[in-house]
Protein backbone atom coordinates (compact mmCIF):
# COMPACT_ATOMS: atom_id res chain seq x y z
CA MET A 1 111.25 122.20 113.87
CA LEU A 2 112.90 122.92 110.51
CA VAL A 3 111.51 124.68 107.46
CA TYR A 4 113.16 124.15 104.10
CA ASP A 5 112.70 123.89 100.34
CA PHE A 6 113.05 120.64 98.44
CA THR A 7 114.16 121.11 94.85
CA PHE A 8 112.83 118.43 92.51
CA PRO A 9 113.51 118.08 88.80
CA LYS A 10 110.86 119.37 86.38
CA PRO A 11 107.88 119.22 86.32
CA ILE A 12 107.67 119.72 90.11
CA GLY A 13 110.37 122.28 90.93
CA LYS A 14 110.49 123.77 94.43
CA LEU A 15 108.42 122.24 97.23
CA ARG A 16 108.31 123.96 100.61
CA ALA A 17 108.19 121.71 103.66
CA ALA A 18 108.40 121.70 107.43
CA VAL A 19 109.62 118.85 109.60
CA LEU A 20 109.05 118.27 113.29
CA MET A 21 111.65 116.00 114.86
CA GLU A 22 111.96 114.41 118.28
CA PHE A 23 115.29 113.28 119.70
CA LYS A 24 116.29 110.59 122.19
CA GLU A 25 119.90 110.29 123.29
CA GLN A 26 121.01 112.64 120.49
CA LEU A 27 119.35 110.48 117.80
CA ILE A 28 116.22 111.26 115.82
CA SER A 29 113.41 109.13 117.24
CA LYS A 30 110.45 110.59 115.33
CA ILE A 31 110.00 112.63 112.15
CA GLU A 32 106.81 114.29 110.91
CA LEU A 33 106.95 115.91 107.47
CA PHE A 34 104.41 118.56 106.48
CA TYR A 35 104.08 119.73 102.88
CA ASP A 36 101.54 120.86 100.32
CA GLY A 37 101.00 117.98 97.90
CA ARG A 38 99.19 120.08 95.28
CA PRO A 39 102.23 120.35 92.96
CA PHE A 40 102.24 116.53 92.71
CA GLU A 41 98.48 116.39 92.15
CA GLU A 42 98.61 119.08 89.46
CA LYS A 43 101.40 117.30 87.56
CA LYS A 44 100.46 113.65 88.20
CA GLU A 45 99.68 112.96 84.53
CA GLU A 46 103.08 114.28 83.53
CA ILE A 47 104.91 112.44 86.32
CA PHE A 48 103.23 109.05 86.02
CA SER A 49 102.59 108.84 82.28
CA GLN A 50 104.09 105.80 80.61
CA LYS A 51 106.53 106.69 77.86
């Protein structure tokens, strides 16, 4: 399990996340990403507006 910060350009900024990975023969076989999507929801008009 890893915990890290993604850094996105404005308007999102920092997004904290956790990832649970499984390995088989030293290769990643499964990835589950956990994050709080509220920053995207709060800024969706800004992100997806047509300019």
